Amino acid sequence: YVFEQQVAVLYLEHARENSFAFFLACILTIVLAPFVEELLFRGILQNFCKRYLSCYSALGVTALFFASFHYSFALVLS
């Protein structure tokens, strides 16, 4: 199998040439990206689903969206 690099890894590798760009890339990928993911998946999607579904169903739907968001299609296509 040929594993494709994640976008964040490619972004960090590209930013290595400039120390400020690398610092900014680290902050974005280590701090901001997980914060935004939590906000989107738990803060918005899960709370929306809990209005219409049971608690466990809302967790399952949120988990499926989270997993599909992080799934790499490179393995399937290669």
C-alpha atoms as a PDB file:
ATOM      1  CA  TYR A   1       0.000   0.000   0.000  1.00  0.00           C
ATOM      2  CA  VAL A   2       1.076   3.563  -0.688  1.00  0.00           C
ATOM      3  CA  PHE A   3       0.037   5.834   2.156  1.00  0.00           C
ATOM      4  CA  GLU A   4      -0.831   9.383   1.241  1.00  0.00           C
ATOM      5  CA  GLN A   5       0.300  12.136   3.576  1.00  0.00           C
ATOM      6  CA  GLN A   6      -2.408  13.957   5.479  1.00  0.00           C
ATOM      7  CA  VAL A   7      -2.942  17.577   4.514  1.00  0.00           C
ATOM      8  CA  ALA A   8      -1.630  18.793   7.879  1.00  0.00           C
ATOM      9  CA  VAL A   9       1.623  16.834   7.439  1.00  0.00           C
ATOM     10  CA  LEU A  10       2.135  18.214   3.947  1.00  0.00           C
ATOM     11  CA  TYR A  11       1.436  21.716   5.243  1.00  0.00           C
ATOM     12  CA  LEU A  12       4.019  21.311   8.030  1.00  0.00           C
ATOM     13  CA  GLU A  13       6.627  19.893   5.652  1.00  0.00           C
ATOM     14  CA  HIS A  14       6.125  22.791   3.253  1.00  0.00           C
ATOM     15  CA  ALA A  15       6.367  25.349   6.076  1.00  0.00           C
ATOM     16  CA  ARG A  16       9.706  23.988   7.383  1.00  0.00           C
ATOM     17  CA  GLU A  17      11.606  26.355   5.113  1.00  0.00           C
ATOM     18  CA  ASN A  18      10.429  29.447   7.003  1.00  0.00           C
ATOM     19  CA  SER A  19      10.561  29.445  10.811  1.00  0.00           C
ATOM     20  CA  PHE A  20       7.602  31.816  11.244  1.00  0.00           C
ATOM     21  CA  ALA A  21       5.491  29.837   8.764  1.00  0.00           C
ATOM     22  CA  PHE A  22       6.446  26.617  10.571  1.00  0.00           C
ATOM     23  CA  PHE A  23       5.489  28.104  13.951  1.00  0.00           C
ATOM     24  CA  LEU A  24       2.166  29.270  12.546  1.00  0.00           C
ATOM     25  CA  ALA A  25       1.553  25.875  10.924  1.00  0.00           C
ATOM     26  CA  CYS A  26       2.259  24.141  14.245  1.00  0.00           C
ATOM     27  CA  ILE A  27      -0.189  26.385  16.088  1.00  0.00           C
ATOM     28  CA  LEU A  28      -2.849  25.807  13.436  1.00  0.00           C
ATOM     29  CA  THR A  29      -2.476  22.015  13.321  1.00  0.00           C
ATOM     30  CA  ILE A  30      -1.858  21.364  17.022  1.00  0.00           C
ATOM     31  CA  VAL A  31      -4.178  23.888  18.678  1.00  0.00           C
ATOM     32  CA  LEU A  32      -6.683  25.356  16.250  1.00  0.00           C
ATOM     33  CA  ALA A  33      -7.611  22.264  14.202  1.00  0.00           C
ATOM     34  CA  PRO A  34      -8.610  20.086  17.203  1.00  0.00           C
ATOM     35  CA  PHE A  35     -10.521  22.998  18.721  1.00  0.00           C
ATOM     36  CA  VAL A  36     -12.483  23.536  15.499  1.00  0.00           C
ATOM     37  CA  GLU A  37     -13.163  19.794  15.200  1.00  0.00           C
ATOM     38  CA  GLU A  38     -14.556  19.646  18.734  1.00  0.00           C
ATOM     39  CA  LEU A  39     -16.676  22.702  18.080  1.00  0.00           C
ATOM     40  CA  LEU A  40     -18.079  21.292  14.843  1.00  0.00           C
ATOM     41  CA  PHE A  41     -18.603  17.672  15.848  1.00  0.00           C
ATOM     42  CA  ARG A  42     -19.498  17.875  19.537  1.00  0.00           C
ATOM     43  CA  GLY A  43     -20.669  21.448  19.837  1.00  0.00           C
ATOM     44  CA  ILE A  44     -22.802  21.724  16.723  1.00  0.00           C
ATOM     45  CA  LEU A  45     -23.475  18.325  15.120  1.00  0.00           C
ATOM     46  CA  GLN A  46     -23.948  16.297  18.297  1.00  0.00           C
ATOM     47  CA  ASN A  47     -26.190  18.900  19.921  1.00  0.00           C
ATOM     48  CA  PHE A  48     -28.246  19.139  16.733  1.00  0.00           C
ATOM     49  CA  CYS A  49     -28.637  15.354  16.589  1.00  0.00           C
ATOM     50  CA  LYS A  50     -29.624  15.165  20.279  1.00  0.00           C
ATOM     51  CA  ARG A  51     -32.674  17.318  19.493  1.00  0.00           C
ATOM     52  CA  TYR A  52     -34.057  14.710  17.113  1.00  0.00           C
ATOM     53  CA  LEU A  53     -32.444  11.429  18.212  1.00  0.00           C
ATOM     54  CA  SER A  54     -31.720   9.588  21.443  1.00  0.00           C
ATOM     55  CA  CYS A  55     -28.450  10.324  23.206  1.00  0.00           C
ATOM     56  CA  TYR A  56     -26.814   7.106  21.966  1.00  0.00           C
ATOM     57  CA  SER A  57     -28.025   7.599  18.412  1.00  0.00           C
ATOM     58  CA  ALA A  58     -26.681  11.146  18.416  1.00  0.00           C
ATOM     59  CA  LEU A  59     -23.310   9.832  19.602  1.00  0.00           C
ATOM     60  CA  GLY A  60     -23.319   7.181  16.862  1.00  0.00           C
ATOM     61  CA  VAL A  61     -24.182   9.644  14.098  1.00  0.00           C
ATOM     62  CA  THR A  62     -21.518  12.073  15.332  1.00  0.00           C
ATOM     63  CA  ALA A  63     -18.943   9.259  15.505  1.00  0.00           C
ATOM     64  CA  LEU A  64     -19.762   8.178  11.947  1.00  0.00           C
ATOM     65  CA  PHE A  65     -19.363  11.722  10.639  1.00  0.00           C
ATOM     66  CA  PHE A  66     -16.109  12.128  12.586  1.00  0.00           C
ATOM     67  CA  ALA A  67     -14.724   8.844  11.250  1.00  0.00           C
ATOM     68  CA  SER A  68     -15.732   9.601   7.668  1.00  0.00           C
ATOM     69  CA  PHE A  69     -14.141  13.044   7.964  1.00  0.00           C
ATOM     70  CA  HIS A  70     -10.819  11.413   8.929  1.00  0.00           C
ATOM     71  CA  TYR A  71     -10.987   8.430   6.569  1.00  0.00           C
ATOM     72  CA  SER A  72      -8.284   8.304   3.921  1.00  0.00           C
ATOM     73  CA  PHE A  73      -9.592   7.358   0.497  1.00  0.00           C
ATOM     74  CA  ALA A  74      -6.016   6.924  -0.744  1.00  0.00           C
ATOM     75  CA  LEU A  75      -5.994   3.300   0.496  1.00  0.00           C
ATOM     76  CA  VAL A  76      -9.178   2.495  -1.391  1.00  0.00           C
ATOM     77  CA  LEU A  77      -8.050   4.103  -4.624  1.00  0.00           C
ATOM     78  CA  SER A  78      -4.541   2.619  -4.715  1.00  0.00           C
END
